[in-house]
Amino acid sequence: MAAGSSKLSAAGFQGNGINHVSLYVGNLQRSTDFYQRVFASAINKRTGDNQVRLGKQFLVLREGKPAGKVDHIAIGVDNFNLETVTADLKARGATPKGKPQLGALGFHILDPDGFPLQIISSSNIGSQY
């Protein structure tokens, strides 16, 4: 099998890109201002965090400790279906954290080193709320 190829991708879902990265920041407003100023980004202000729009992808900024730490990376999946992706993950030896909610756009798993990954619909473009 060639490097980078996988027999599993034909049988179920396949990640197709980084949807977003969630970062802990020390001061939400200061960091939001920085990203908006430096990258001329639109901002979705939300309760508890802000989304910095970068084309179709975005950064989620949320106050947390330690500041400067990546909270999670979200991997986009085309045609996301909660039941199918959950079953495929379990067949691949990865168990979703918590109980995914029906109608959810995604959920979290841990990689072998305990790093949190979010599996999410690639159609997720963030939202303002």
C-alpha atoms as a PDB file:
ATOM      1  CA  MET A   1       0.000   0.000   0.000  1.00  0.00           C
ATOM      2  CA  ALA A   2       1.355   3.440  -0.928  1.00  0.00           C
ATOM      3  CA  ALA A   3       2.178   5.955   1.791  1.00  0.00           C
ATOM      4  CA  GLY A   4      -0.841   8.047   2.660  1.00  0.00           C
ATOM      5  CA  SER A   5      -3.374   5.613   1.218  1.00  0.00           C
ATOM      6  CA  SER A   6      -5.872   3.685   3.274  1.00  0.00           C
ATOM      7  CA  LYS A   7      -8.157   0.739   2.699  1.00  0.00           C
ATOM      8  CA  LEU A   8     -10.518   2.130   5.349  1.00  0.00           C
ATOM      9  CA  SER A   9     -11.358   5.308   3.442  1.00  0.00           C
ATOM     10  CA  ALA A  10     -13.252   3.368   0.777  1.00  0.00           C
ATOM     11  CA  ALA A  11     -15.385   1.618   3.413  1.00  0.00           C
ATOM     12  CA  GLY A  12     -16.480   4.675   5.396  1.00  0.00           C
ATOM     13  CA  PHE A  13     -15.852   8.335   5.963  1.00  0.00           C
ATOM     14  CA  GLN A  14     -12.585  10.084   5.173  1.00  0.00           C
ATOM     15  CA  GLY A  15     -11.250  13.313   6.648  1.00  0.00           C
ATOM     16  CA  ASN A  16     -10.867  15.944   3.936  1.00  0.00           C
ATOM     17  CA  GLY A  17      -9.190  18.874   5.665  1.00  0.00           C
ATOM     18  CA  ILE A  18      -8.775  21.013   8.741  1.00  0.00           C
ATOM     19  CA  ASN A  19     -12.133  22.680   9.425  1.00  0.00           C
ATOM     20  CA  HIS A  20     -10.940  24.784  12.351  1.00  0.00           C
ATOM     21  CA  VAL A  21      -8.429  25.008  15.181  1.00  0.00           C
ATOM     22  CA  SER A  22      -9.487  26.037  18.683  1.00  0.00           C
ATOM     23  CA  LEU A  23      -6.940  28.054  20.693  1.00  0.00           C
ATOM     24  CA  TYR A  24      -6.805  29.007  24.356  1.00  0.00           C
ATOM     25  CA  VAL A  25      -5.988  32.708  24.759  1.00  0.00           C
ATOM     26  CA  GLY A  26      -5.239  34.829  27.817  1.00  0.00           C
ATOM     27  CA  ASN A  27      -7.499  37.722  26.815  1.00  0.00           C
ATOM     28  CA  LEU A  28     -10.283  37.096  24.299  1.00  0.00           C
ATOM     29  CA  GLN A  29     -10.701  40.701  23.161  1.00  0.00           C
ATOM     30  CA  ARG A  30      -6.957  41.352  22.793  1.00  0.00           C
ATOM     31  CA  SER A  31      -6.497  38.179  20.714  1.00  0.00           C
ATOM     32  CA  THR A  32      -9.613  38.862  18.625  1.00  0.00           C
ATOM     33  CA  ASP A  33      -8.344  42.373  17.869  1.00  0.00           C
ATOM     34  CA  PHE A  34      -4.917  40.986  16.897  1.00  0.00           C
ATOM     35  CA  TYR A  35      -6.273  38.421  14.415  1.00  0.00           C
ATOM     36  CA  GLN A  36      -8.745  40.895  12.957  1.00  0.00           C
ATOM     37  CA  ARG A  37      -6.061  43.572  12.522  1.00  0.00           C
ATOM     38  CA  VAL A  38      -3.229  41.347  11.264  1.00  0.00           C
ATOM     39  CA  PHE A  39      -5.238  39.089   8.921  1.00  0.00           C
ATOM     40  CA  ALA A  40      -8.122  41.468   8.054  1.00  0.00           C
ATOM     41  CA  SER A  41     -10.456  38.689   9.195  1.00  0.00           C
ATOM     42  CA  ALA A  42     -14.176  38.860   9.783  1.00  0.00           C
ATOM     43  CA  ILE A  43     -15.101  37.877  13.337  1.00  0.00           C
ATOM     44  CA  ASN A  44     -18.099  35.881  14.531  1.00  0.00           C
ATOM     45  CA  LYS A  45     -18.580  37.005  18.128  1.00  0.00           C
ATOM     46  CA  ARG A  46     -20.121  34.232  20.193  1.00  0.00           C
ATOM     47  CA  THR A  47     -20.917  33.527  23.806  1.00  0.00           C
ATOM     48  CA  GLY A  48     -17.659  32.364  25.403  1.00  0.00           C
ATOM     49  CA  ASP A  49     -15.502  32.411  22.283  1.00  0.00           C
ATOM     50  CA  ASN A  50     -14.974  34.166  18.964  1.00  0.00           C
ATOM     51  CA  GLN A  51     -14.423  32.732  15.505  1.00  0.00           C
ATOM     52  CA  VAL A  52     -11.799  34.306  13.262  1.00  0.00           C
ATOM     53  CA  ARG A  53     -12.835  33.688   9.641  1.00  0.00           C
ATOM     54  CA  LEU A  54      -9.973  32.593   7.347  1.00  0.00           C
ATOM     55  CA  GLY A  55     -11.651  31.776   4.035  1.00  0.00           C
ATOM     56  CA  LYS A  56     -13.731  28.628   4.517  1.00  0.00           C
ATOM     57  CA  GLN A  57     -11.834  27.730   7.692  1.00  0.00           C
ATOM     58  CA  PHE A  58     -11.617  29.554  10.986  1.00  0.00           C
ATOM     59  CA  LEU A  59      -9.849  29.796  14.308  1.00  0.00           C
ATOM     60  CA  VAL A  60     -11.855  29.554  17.516  1.00  0.00           C
ATOM     61  CA  LEU A  61     -10.434  31.773  20.246  1.00  0.00           C
ATOM     62  CA  ARG A  62     -11.505  30.961  23.805  1.00  0.00           C
ATOM     63  CA  GLU A  63     -10.152  32.139  27.114  1.00  0.00           C
ATOM     64  CA  GLY A  64      -8.391  29.307  28.878  1.00  0.00           C
ATOM     65  CA  LYS A  65      -5.212  28.122  30.520  1.00  0.00           C
ATOM     66  CA  PRO A  66      -2.582  27.721  29.545  1.00  0.00           C
ATOM     67  CA  ALA A  67      -2.906  30.519  27.005  1.00  0.00           C
ATOM     68  CA  GLY A  68      -1.270  29.681  23.689  1.00  0.00           C
ATOM     69  CA  LYS A  69      -2.349  26.025  23.846  1.00  0.00           C
ATOM     70  CA  VAL A  70      -4.303  24.357  21.062  1.00  0.00           C
ATOM     71  CA  ASP A  71      -7.583  23.155  22.593  1.00  0.00           C
ATOM     72  CA  HIS A  72      -8.492  20.901  19.640  1.00  0.00           C
ATOM     73  CA  ILE A  73      -8.247  20.506  15.875  1.00  0.00           C
ATOM     74  CA  ALA A  74     -11.412  19.809  13.892  1.00  0.00           C
ATOM     75  CA  ILE A  75     -11.162  17.439  10.924  1.00  0.00           C
ATOM     76  CA  GLY A  76     -13.847  17.953   8.254  1.00  0.00           C
ATOM     77  CA  VAL A  77     -15.828  15.004   6.856  1.00  0.00           C
ATOM     78  CA  ASP A  78     -18.017  15.212   3.748  1.00  0.00           C
ATOM     79  CA  ASN A  79     -21.624  14.029   4.103  1.00  0.00           C
ATOM     80  CA  PHE A  80     -21.277  13.804   7.886  1.00  0.00           C
ATOM     81  CA  ASN A  81     -23.788  11.389   9.406  1.00  0.00           C
ATOM     82  CA  LEU A  82     -23.607  10.924  13.174  1.00  0.00           C
ATOM     83  CA  GLU A  83     -24.569   7.251  13.249  1.00  0.00           C
ATOM     84  CA  THR A  84     -22.369   6.208  10.309  1.00  0.00           C
ATOM     85  CA  VAL A  85     -19.295   8.131  11.468  1.00  0.00           C
ATOM     86  CA  THR A  86     -19.721   6.823  15.033  1.00  0.00           C
ATOM     87  CA  ALA A  87     -19.928   3.223  13.781  1.00  0.00           C
ATOM     88  CA  ASP A  88     -16.928   3.726  11.468  1.00  0.00           C
ATOM     89  CA  LEU A  89     -14.858   5.241  14.294  1.00  0.00           C
ATOM     90  CA  LYS A  90     -15.652   2.356  16.629  1.00  0.00           C
ATOM     91  CA  ALA A  91     -14.712  -0.137  13.886  1.00  0.00           C
ATOM     92  CA  ARG A  92     -11.385   1.711  13.560  1.00  0.00           C
ATOM     93  CA  GLY A  93     -10.735   1.558  17.304  1.00  0.00           C
ATOM     94  CA  ALA A  94     -11.599   5.176  18.185  1.00  0.00           C
ATOM     95  CA  THR A  95     -14.397   5.873  20.638  1.00  0.00           C
ATOM     96  CA  PRO A  96     -16.189   9.240  20.702  1.00  0.00           C
ATOM     97  CA  LYS A  97     -15.838  11.198  23.971  1.00  0.00           C
ATOM     98  CA  GLY A  98     -19.166  11.636  25.700  1.00  0.00           C
ATOM     99  CA  LYS A  99     -22.412  10.876  23.962  1.00  0.00           C
ATOM    100  CA  PRO A 100     -22.739  12.531  20.528  1.00  0.00           C
ATOM    101  CA  GLN A 101     -26.061  14.354  20.222  1.00  0.00           C
ATOM    102  CA  LEU A 102     -28.393  13.496  17.353  1.00  0.00           C
ATOM    103  CA  GLY A 103     -28.334  16.343  14.845  1.00  0.00           C
ATOM    104  CA  ALA A 104     -24.882  17.438  16.036  1.00  0.00           C
ATOM    105  CA  LEU A 105     -22.378  18.689  13.469  1.00  0.00           C
ATOM    106  CA  GLY A 106     -19.579  16.749  15.141  1.00  0.00           C
ATOM    107  CA  PHE A 107     -18.032  15.245  18.239  1.00  0.00           C
ATOM    108  CA  HIS A 108     -14.633  14.666  19.857  1.00  0.00           C
ATOM    109  CA  ILE A 109     -12.228  11.731  20.031  1.00  0.00           C
ATOM    110  CA  LEU A 110      -8.713  11.415  21.472  1.00  0.00           C
ATOM    111  CA  ASP A 111      -5.647  10.431  19.480  1.00  0.00           C
ATOM    112  CA  PRO A 112      -3.239   7.830  20.978  1.00  0.00           C
ATOM    113  CA  ASP A 113      -1.435  10.560  22.960  1.00  0.00           C
ATOM    114  CA  GLY A 114      -4.669  11.999  24.343  1.00  0.00           C
ATOM    115  CA  PHE A 115      -4.838  15.007  21.999  1.00  0.00           C
ATOM    116  CA  PRO A 116      -8.455  16.042  21.358  1.00  0.00           C
ATOM    117  CA  LEU A 117      -9.701  15.926  17.776  1.00  0.00           C
ATOM    118  CA  GLN A 118     -13.133  16.962  16.626  1.00  0.00           C
ATOM    119  CA  ILE A 119     -14.741  15.077  13.757  1.00  0.00           C
ATOM    120  CA  ILE A 120     -17.145  17.546  12.125  1.00  0.00           C
ATOM    121  CA  SER A 121     -19.124  18.104   8.965  1.00  0.00           C
ATOM    122  CA  SER A 122     -16.929  19.746   6.335  1.00  0.00           C
ATOM    123  CA  SER A 123     -19.926  21.989   5.600  1.00  0.00           C
ATOM    124  CA  ASN A 124     -19.471  23.574   9.059  1.00  0.00           C
ATOM    125  CA  ILE A 125     -18.627  27.226   8.427  1.00  0.00           C
ATOM    126  CA  GLY A 126     -18.963  28.408  12.002  1.00  0.00           C
ATOM    127  CA  SER A 127     -21.764  30.536  13.259  1.00  0.00           C
ATOM    128  CA  GLN A 128     -22.602  33.614  15.199  1.00  0.00           C
ATOM    129  CA  TYR A 129     -24.678  33.172  18.368  1.00  0.00           C
END
